Amino acid sequence: MSNLQDLQQLAEKRRSIYALSNQLPVSNDEIVKLVEHAILHTPSAFNSQSTRVIVLFGDEHQKLWQMTEDTLRDIVNDDEKFVSTKQKIDSFKAGAGTILFFEDHAVVKGLQEAAPLYADKFPVWSEHTSAMHQYMIWMALSSLDIGANLQHYNPIIDSQVADAWNVDKDWELVAQMVFGAIEQHAGDKAFKPVDSRLKVFG
């Protein structure tokens, strides 16, 4: 099988997995190495290298989702409505860890000052950079048969996260990737026709 086929099969394998457990098929160190590799080798606009990552395992992972639950409980005052929210948070707690993705605004600001012609584009390109890191790490996790799903509870948990893990003031939280052992695979996925999304000329 060619490397291209391997890559394409891996892209198909990567799915949002919500039924997770904390029994990883690899060590925590292997997860960290995977993330380190992505940080080093994922491209960024103007080689900005603006993405920042925090990996939480065990009790630290639990702390994140407990603070998220507590924050949401203050927002959702109705106990009956909160049931489904708590079930979702509990599914995240059941995982092995969470990867927090940030973008460093000091880097973005520096690029804006250095290339003012593109100043309004650098925040957008920063988001592209973060997205590429998220996808790279998600694919790498899939290659190890580790399930993951991507969450966006920012900005409601930003201040708590910053306090809990001493996050630099210039780092903005972008997304939270929960990961763990796969307890149930994703179901069938519907695809819109490619010909409605692709044009080819020449």
Foldseek 3Di string as FASTA:
>chain_A
DDPVVVLVVLVVLQDAFQQFAQDAPDDPVVLVVLLVVLLVPQAAVVSLSFKDKDKFFDPRQVVVLVVLLVLVCVVPVDPVVCPVVVVSSVSLNRFGIKMWIWGQVVSLVVVCVVCVVCNVCSVVRSVVSSVRSVVSSSSVCVVSQKHKHKADPPPSCVVVVCVVPVDDPRIDTDIMMRIHHHPDGDDDDDDDDVVVVDDDDD
